[in-house]
């Protein structure tokens, strides 16, 4: 059974119970606390953690914001795939004919609620032909892919899709404690010496983030979207319906309240790496990280992605191309027939080479 530990209310380090003093003591700041004080602090920490996931109340919309949302609702169409349930958003002049996830026909289901209007957008910088060329060049580097993966019929299914993203700006604080050891060895005469120095490590770092993204669509794999990052936010534009012309957009189905734990985890992991990078010791043990998000601000935006799915051997393979930078992500299938043929060909070529070498070497020996 794991032992229960408590954090110091002063510095966040682990407390140790002192049987003589009958108090919980901190070896770093030398604080001493009663059981009641420790339990009260622990409860406060839990409440604060819960509050992290509570979003502040939203301000009432201005007249302009309401007009913008009404205009967005008036000028967009919503299509739904009866097979997989995907919801596709397009402008009034772009009719969706198939689902970019499963390629089944979609049906018009009405207008998009104005609350789904994004505030910012990064326009596409690659057209369909450029995206197809980029994908084919990337896929052809692999030898054993199915032939029809890069066929014109398959690549024409590539869809320009504005993916909904919740993007967070935040100020975080990371308080870190650990024990560091530096070990030095040397030899003098017939003796070998080892010197070990131990240090109490403390770090208190404020780290600011601008633009930590998380895609707001459940149907798109988070890892796929993270793999085509980063996006260049210097090219962000205020949202305008004109950017949707000729493209589709996904309707977010993950609220920012639900997105927060994922965003928090990305910042936490990066903060841990930043802190670890400052610890230049032979070894570091007893690491304790205390991470807090002190301020956070959300932006809802659409980011450009060329998206394609491929059906092969009963499995759907998904590919994404950053519509701004051309970075590609996705796993390529292997055509087993091609692989077996290559193995047989290699074996035959190897056999022929061995036979020829044997023939020539035999002739030389005679």
Protein backbone atom coordinates (compact mmCIF):
# COMPACT_ATOMS: atom_id res chain seq x y z
CA UNK A 1 0.00 0.00 0.00
CA UNK A 2 1.38 3.46 -0.92
CA UNK A 3 2.13 5.79 1.97
CA UNK A 4 0.12 8.98 2.19
CA UNK A 5 2.27 12.11 1.79
CA UNK A 6 1.48 15.77 2.41
CA UNK A 7 2.92 18.93 0.90
CA UNK A 8 4.41 21.81 2.83
CA UNK A 9 2.05 24.84 2.91
CA UNK A 10 5.09 27.13 2.64
CA UNK A 11 7.18 25.66 -0.16
CA UNK A 12 5.31 22.63 -1.51
CA UNK A 13 7.96 20.04 -0.59
CA UNK A 14 7.07 16.71 1.02
CA UNK A 15 6.53 16.84 4.78
CA UNK A 16 7.97 14.29 7.20
CA UNK A 17 6.36 13.42 10.52
CA UNK A 18 8.65 14.08 13.49
CA UNK A 19 7.77 11.65 16.32
CA UNK A 20 9.56 13.79 18.90
CA UNK A 21 7.83 17.05 18.04
CA UNK A 22 4.60 15.28 17.05
CA UNK A 23 4.43 17.62 14.06
CA UNK A 24 4.87 17.46 10.31
CA UNK A 25 8.20 19.10 9.42
CA UNK A 26 9.75 20.39 6.19
CA UNK A 27 13.48 19.78 5.69
CA UNK A 28 13.70 22.57 3.10
CA UNK A 29 12.06 25.61 4.72
CA UNK A 30 12.05 24.15 8.26
CA UNK A 31 8.33 24.75 8.67
CA UNK A 32 6.45 22.82 11.37
CA UNK A 33 2.72 22.06 11.14
CA UNK A 34 0.09 20.32 13.17
CA UNK A 35 -2.05 17.55 11.69
CA UNK A 36 -5.02 19.93 11.53
CA UNK A 37 -3.00 22.53 9.61
CA UNK A 38 -1.72 19.91 7.15
CA UNK A 39 -5.16 18.43 6.51
CA UNK A 40 -6.68 21.90 6.10
CA UNK A 41 -4.01 22.82 3.55
CA UNK A 42 -4.46 19.51 1.68
CA UNK A 43 -8.22 20.15 1.46
CA UNK A 44 -7.57 23.66 0.15
CA UNK A 45 -5.26 22.25 -2.55
CA UNK A 46 -7.98 19.82 -3.65
CA UNK A 47 -10.54 22.63 -3.84
CA UNK A 48 -8.13 24.78 -5.84
CA UNK A 49 -7.52 21.90 -8.27
CA UNK A 50 -11.26 21.59 -8.78
CA UNK A 51 -11.54 25.32 -9.37
CA UNK A 52 -8.94 25.04 -12.14
CA UNK A 53 -11.49 23.15 -14.17
CA UNK A 54 -14.28 25.63 -13.46
CA UNK A 55 -14.60 28.15 -16.25
CA UNK A 56 -15.38 31.74 -15.26
CA UNK A 57 -18.86 32.99 -16.15
CA UNK A 58 -19.11 34.28 -19.69
CA UNK A 59 -19.72 37.96 -20.29
CA UNK A 60 -22.93 38.89 -22.03
CA UNK A 61 -22.63 39.34 -25.78
CA UNK A 62 -22.41 42.78 -27.29
CA UNK A 63 -24.82 43.79 -30.04
CA UNK A 64 -22.00 43.43 -32.60
CA UNK A 65 -21.14 39.91 -31.40
CA UNK A 66 -24.78 38.91 -31.65
CA UNK A 67 -25.03 40.34 -35.19
CA UNK A 68 -21.86 38.47 -36.20
CA UNK A 69 -23.28 35.20 -34.87
CA UNK A 70 -26.59 35.77 -36.65
CA UNK A 71 -24.76 36.47 -39.90
CA UNK A 72 -22.69 33.31 -39.46
CA UNK A 73 -25.83 31.23 -38.89
CA UNK A 74 -27.54 32.81 -41.90
CA UNK A 75 -24.68 32.13 -44.31
CA UNK A 76 -23.61 28.61 -43.41
CA UNK A 77 -25.05 25.19 -44.11
CA UNK A 78 -24.83 22.13 -41.90
CA UNK A 79 -24.58 18.65 -43.41
CA UNK A 80 -24.71 15.39 -41.50
CA UNK A 81 -23.37 11.97 -42.39
CA UNK A 82 -26.01 9.32 -41.65
CA UNK A 83 -23.28 6.66 -41.45
CA UNK A 84 -20.76 8.06 -38.94
CA UNK A 85 -22.61 11.12 -37.63
CA UNK A 86 -20.00 13.69 -38.70
CA UNK A 87 -21.28 17.24 -39.05
CA UNK A 88 -19.86 19.27 -41.93
CA UNK A 89 -20.06 23.04 -42.11
CA UNK A 90 -19.78 24.94 -45.39
CA UNK A 91 -20.76 28.33 -46.74
CA UNK A 92 -23.95 28.83 -48.76
CA UNK A 93 -22.08 28.44 -52.06
CA UNK A 94 -20.19 25.23 -51.25
CA UNK A 95 -22.31 22.08 -51.31
CA UNK A 96 -20.97 19.03 -49.47
CA UNK A 97 -21.49 15.75 -51.32
CA UNK A 98 -19.58 13.20 -49.24
CA UNK A 99 -18.26 12.74 -45.73
CA UNK A 100 -14.53 13.37 -45.47
CA UNK A 101 -14.29 10.69 -42.74
CA UNK A 102 -16.06 7.67 -44.26
CA UNK A 103 -16.83 8.89 -47.83
CA UNK A 104 -20.54 8.17 -47.56
CA UNK A 105 -23.03 10.69 -49.01
CA UNK A 106 -24.16 13.41 -46.61
CA UNK A 107 -27.52 15.13 -46.28
CA UNK A 108 -28.32 18.78 -45.67
CA UNK A 109 -29.61 19.16 -42.13
CA UNK A 110 -30.04 22.91 -41.63
CA UNK A 111 -28.17 25.95 -40.37
CA UNK A 112 -25.29 26.22 -37.95
CA UNK A 113 -25.97 27.82 -34.58
CA UNK A 114 -24.28 31.22 -34.36
CA UNK A 115 -22.43 30.27 -31.17
CA UNK A 116 -20.14 28.11 -33.32
CA UNK A 117 -18.75 31.20 -35.04
CA UNK A 118 -14.95 31.30 -34.58
CA UNK A 119 -13.10 34.49 -33.72
CA UNK A 120 -9.96 33.78 -35.76
CA UNK A 121 -8.90 31.76 -38.79
CA UNK A 122 -5.65 30.90 -40.55
CA UNK A 123 -6.41 30.78 -44.29
CA UNK A 124 -5.22 27.90 -46.47
CA UNK A 125 -1.87 28.50 -48.20
CA UNK A 126 -1.92 25.26 -50.24
CA UNK A 127 -4.49 24.45 -52.91
CA UNK A 128 -5.73 20.95 -53.76
CA UNK A 129 -3.08 20.26 -56.40
CA UNK A 130 -0.25 21.35 -54.10
CA UNK A 131 -1.59 19.21 -51.26
CA UNK A 132 -1.91 16.17 -53.57
CA UNK A 133 1.64 16.66 -54.86
CA UNK A 134 2.91 17.01 -51.30
CA UNK A 135 1.15 13.80 -50.23
CA UNK A 136 2.31 11.75 -53.23
CA UNK A 137 5.92 12.87 -52.76
CA UNK A 138 5.75 11.85 -49.10
CA UNK A 139 4.03 8.49 -49.71
CA UNK A 140 6.32 7.46 -52.59
CA UNK A 141 9.28 7.41 -50.21
CA UNK A 142 7.87 4.13 -48.88
CA UNK A 143 8.39 1.08 -51.09
CA UNK A 144 5.53 -1.22 -50.19
CA UNK A 145 2.47 1.04 -50.13
CA UNK A 146 -0.67 -0.05 -52.01
CA UNK A 147 -0.63 1.28 -55.56
CA UNK A 148 -4.07 2.90 -55.40
CA UNK A 149 -3.12 4.99 -52.32
CA UNK A 150 -1.56 7.57 -54.62
CA UNK A 151 -3.97 7.10 -57.52
CA UNK A 152 -5.82 10.11 -58.90
CA UNK A 153 -9.13 8.60 -57.77
CA UNK A 154 -7.94 8.37 -54.17
CA UNK A 155 -6.14 11.70 -53.97
CA UNK A 156 -9.15 13.57 -55.36
CA UNK A 157 -10.93 12.63 -52.10
CA UNK A 158 -8.56 14.93 -50.24
CA UNK A 159 -10.64 17.60 -48.53
CA UNK A 160 -9.71 21.11 -47.47
CA UNK A 161 -11.01 21.19 -43.92
CA UNK A 162 -10.98 23.96 -41.34
CA UNK A 163 -10.53 22.09 -38.06
CA UNK A 164 -11.98 23.71 -34.91
CA UNK A 165 -9.36 24.43 -32.27
CA UNK A 166 -9.50 25.78 -28.75
CA UNK A 167 -6.27 27.73 -28.25
CA UNK A 168 -5.15 28.84 -24.80
CA UNK A 169 -2.87 31.62 -23.57
CA UNK A 170 -1.78 31.00 -20.01
CA UNK A 171 0.54 32.01 -17.20
CA UNK A 172 1.79 29.04 -15.17
CA UNK A 173 3.92 28.57 -12.07
CA UNK A 174 6.05 25.50 -11.45
CA UNK A 175 7.50 24.92 -7.98
CA UNK A 176 9.97 22.05 -7.89
CA UNK A 177 11.96 20.34 -5.16
CA UNK A 178 14.36 17.42 -5.37
CA UNK A 179 17.67 16.08 -4.13
CA UNK A 180 20.70 16.34 -6.41
CA UNK A 181 23.97 14.43 -6.12
CA UNK A 182 27.32 15.13 -7.72
CA UNK A 183 29.75 12.22 -7.66
CA UNK A 184 33.45 12.62 -8.46
CA UNK A 185 36.10 9.86 -8.72
CA UNK A 186 39.88 10.25 -8.76
CA UNK A 187 43.01 8.22 -8.12
CA UNK A 188 46.00 9.27 -6.03
CA UNK A 189 48.87 6.85 -5.62
CA UNK A 190 47.49 3.42 -4.86
CA UNK A 191 44.15 4.76 -3.71
CA UNK A 192 40.95 5.53 -5.58
CA UNK A 193 38.67 8.17 -4.05
CA UNK A 194 34.98 8.93 -4.48
CA UNK A 195 33.45 12.22 -3.39
CA UNK A 196 29.66 12.61 -3.17
CA UNK A 197 28.01 15.97 -2.58
CA UNK A 198 24.28 16.25 -1.96
CA UNK A 199 22.17 19.33 -2.67
CA UNK A 200 18.62 20.40 -1.88
CA UNK A 201 17.21 21.60 -5.22
CA UNK A 202 14.47 24.23 -5.36
CA UNK A 203 13.03 25.87 -8.46
CA UNK A 204 10.25 28.44 -8.65
CA UNK A 205 9.52 29.27 -12.30
CA UNK A 206 6.84 31.36 -13.99
CA UNK A 207 6.29 30.17 -17.55
CA UNK A 208 3.99 31.93 -20.00
CA UNK A 209 2.27 30.22 -22.92
CA UNK A 210 0.79 31.77 -26.02
CA UNK A 211 -1.32 29.61 -28.31
CA UNK A 212 -1.44 26.11 -26.79
CA UNK A 213 -3.81 24.29 -29.21
CA UNK A 214 -6.26 21.44 -28.82
CA UNK A 215 -8.56 20.31 -31.63
CA UNK A 216 -12.24 20.47 -30.77
CA UNK A 217 -13.39 17.52 -32.91
CA UNK A 218 -13.83 14.10 -31.36
CA UNK A 219 -13.65 12.32 -34.71
CA UNK A 220 -10.12 13.48 -35.48
CA UNK A 221 -7.32 11.79 -33.57
CA UNK A 222 -5.63 14.25 -31.22
CA UNK A 223 -2.24 12.70 -31.99
CA UNK A 224 -2.80 13.30 -35.72
CA UNK A 225 -3.44 17.01 -35.18
CA UNK A 226 -0.54 17.37 -32.75
CA UNK A 227 1.76 15.71 -35.30
CA UNK A 228 1.19 18.46 -37.90
CA UNK A 229 1.83 21.31 -35.46
CA UNK A 230 2.95 24.01 -35.22
CA UNK A 231 0.75 26.57 -36.93
CA UNK A 232 2.11 30.07 -37.51
CA UNK A 233 -0.21 32.34 -35.51
CA UNK A 234 1.31 35.44 -37.08
CA UNK A 235 -0.96 34.70 -40.05
CA UNK A 236 -4.17 34.67 -38.00
CA UNK A 237 -7.03 36.69 -39.46
CA UNK A 238 -10.31 37.85 -38.02
CA UNK A 239 -12.89 35.33 -39.14
CA UNK A 240 -14.70 36.16 -42.36
CA UNK A 241 -17.18 33.97 -44.22
CA UNK A 242 -15.11 34.42 -47.40
CA UNK A 243 -12.42 32.10 -46.02
CA UNK A 244 -14.91 29.20 -46.01
CA UNK A 245 -15.57 29.52 -49.73
CA UNK A 246 -14.56 26.28 -51.45
CA UNK A 247 -13.68 24.55 -48.18
CA UNK A 248 -15.45 22.70 -45.40
CA UNK A 249 -15.29 23.22 -41.66
CA UNK A 250 -15.86 20.80 -38.82
CA UNK A 251 -18.30 21.79 -36.07
CA UNK A 252 -16.65 21.49 -32.68
CA UNK A 253 -18.15 18.99 -30.28
CA UNK A 254 -15.64 19.43 -27.45
CA UNK A 255 -16.31 22.41 -25.19
CA UNK A 256 -13.39 24.39 -23.76
CA UNK A 257 -14.28 23.21 -20.26
CA UNK A 258 -13.69 19.66 -21.44
CA UNK A 259 -10.57 20.69 -23.34
CA UNK A 260 -8.89 22.22 -20.28
CA UNK A 261 -7.40 19.00 -18.79
CA UNK A 262 -5.70 18.22 -22.10
CA UNK A 263 -4.29 21.74 -22.42
CA UNK A 264 -3.20 21.66 -18.78
CA UNK A 265 -1.39 18.35 -19.29
CA UNK A 266 0.54 19.70 -22.28
CA UNK A 267 1.69 22.72 -20.27
CA UNK A 268 2.50 20.57 -17.22
CA UNK A 269 4.66 18.15 -19.21
CA UNK A 270 6.54 21.01 -20.84
CA UNK A 271 7.05 22.74 -17.47
CA UNK A 272 8.53 19.51 -16.09
CA UNK A 273 10.97 19.35 -19.00
CA UNK A 274 11.93 23.02 -18.52
CA UNK A 275 12.63 22.45 -14.83
CA UNK A 276 14.52 19.19 -15.40
CA UNK A 277 16.77 20.95 -17.91
CA UNK A 278 18.08 23.24 -15.13
CA UNK A 279 19.22 20.34 -12.90
CA UNK A 280 22.85 19.65 -13.84
CA UNK A 281 23.75 16.91 -11.38
CA UNK A 282 25.07 13.37 -11.58
CA UNK A 283 21.69 12.16 -10.35
CA UNK A 284 18.41 13.73 -9.22
CA UNK A 285 16.01 11.91 -6.91
CA UNK A 286 12.86 12.70 -4.93
CA UNK A 287 11.42 14.94 -7.61
CA UNK A 288 8.28 16.82 -6.60
CA UNK A 289 6.43 19.04 -9.09
CA UNK A 290 3.75 21.52 -8.06
CA UNK A 291 2.20 23.13 -11.13
CA UNK A 292 -0.43 25.87 -11.16
CA UNK A 293 -2.21 27.70 -13.96
CA UNK A 294 -2.62 31.24 -12.67
CA UNK A 295 -4.29 32.86 -15.68
CA UNK A 296 -5.85 31.45 -18.82
CA UNK A 297 -7.51 32.98 -21.85
CA UNK A 298 -9.30 31.04 -24.60
CA UNK A 299 -9.57 31.61 -28.34
CA UNK A 300 -11.80 29.61 -30.69
CA UNK A 301 -10.34 29.45 -34.18
CA UNK A 302 -10.34 27.45 -37.39
CA UNK A 303 -7.00 26.07 -38.61
CA UNK A 304 -6.41 24.74 -42.17
CA UNK A 305 -5.91 21.01 -42.72
CA UNK A 306 -6.01 18.93 -45.89
CA UNK A 307 -7.64 15.71 -44.71
CA UNK A 308 -7.85 12.34 -46.42
CA UNK A 309 -9.02 8.86 -45.43
CA UNK A 310 -8.16 5.60 -47.18
CA UNK A 311 -9.94 2.25 -46.87
CA UNK A 312 -7.59 -0.74 -46.99
CA UNK A 313 -7.99 -4.29 -45.67
CA UNK A 314 -11.04 -3.34 -43.64
CA UNK A 315 -9.28 -0.48 -41.87
CA UNK A 316 -9.59 3.28 -42.29
CA UNK A 317 -6.25 5.08 -42.57
CA UNK A 318 -6.26 8.82 -41.87
CA UNK A 319 -3.87 11.44 -43.20
CA UNK A 320 -3.56 15.13 -42.39
CA UNK A 321 -1.54 17.87 -44.08
CA UNK A 322 -1.02 21.22 -42.41
CA UNK A 323 -2.69 23.54 -44.93
CA UNK A 324 -0.31 26.31 -43.96
CA UNK A 325 3.11 24.59 -43.75
CA UNK A 326 2.64 21.30 -45.65
CA UNK A 327 3.69 19.10 -42.71
CA UNK A 328 2.17 15.60 -43.08
CA UNK A 329 1.09 13.01 -40.52
CA UNK A 330 -0.40 9.55 -40.82
CA UNK A 331 0.55 5.88 -40.90
CA UNK A 332 1.11 4.25 -44.28
CA UNK A 333 -0.26 0.73 -44.91
CA UNK A 334 1.90 -2.04 -46.31
CA UNK A 335 0.89 -4.04 -49.38
CA UNK A 336 1.79 -7.56 -48.24
CA UNK A 337 1.81 -8.86 -51.83
CA UNK A 338 4.47 -6.32 -52.75
CA UNK A 339 6.45 -7.20 -49.63
CA UNK A 340 6.34 -10.95 -50.31
CA UNK A 341 7.27 -10.40 -53.96
CA UNK A 342 10.25 -8.25 -52.89
CA UNK A 343 11.37 -10.92 -50.42
CA UNK A 344 11.13 -13.66 -53.06
CA UNK A 345 12.97 -11.50 -55.60
CA UNK A 346 15.72 -10.76 -53.08
CA UNK A 347 16.08 -14.46 -52.28
CA UNK A 348 16.26 -15.39 -55.98
CA UNK A 349 18.82 -12.66 -56.69
CA UNK A 350 20.87 -13.81 -53.72
CA UNK A 351 20.74 -17.44 -54.93
CA UNK A 352 21.86 -16.42 -58.44
CA UNK A 353 24.74 -14.35 -57.06
CA UNK A 354 25.91 -17.25 -54.88
CA UNK A 355 25.73 -19.65 -57.86
CA UNK A 356 27.70 -17.27 -60.06
CA UNK A 357 30.34 -16.72 -57.39
CA UNK A 358 30.62 -20.50 -56.95
CA UNK A 359 30.98 -20.98 -60.69
CA UNK A 360 33.72 -18.38 -61.10
CA UNK A 361 35.59 -19.43 -57.98
CA UNK A 362 35.41 -23.06 -59.09
CA UNK A 363 36.84 -22.15 -62.49
CA UNK A 364 39.70 -20.24 -60.93
CA UNK A 365 40.61 -23.16 -58.69
CA UNK A 366 40.76 -25.54 -61.67
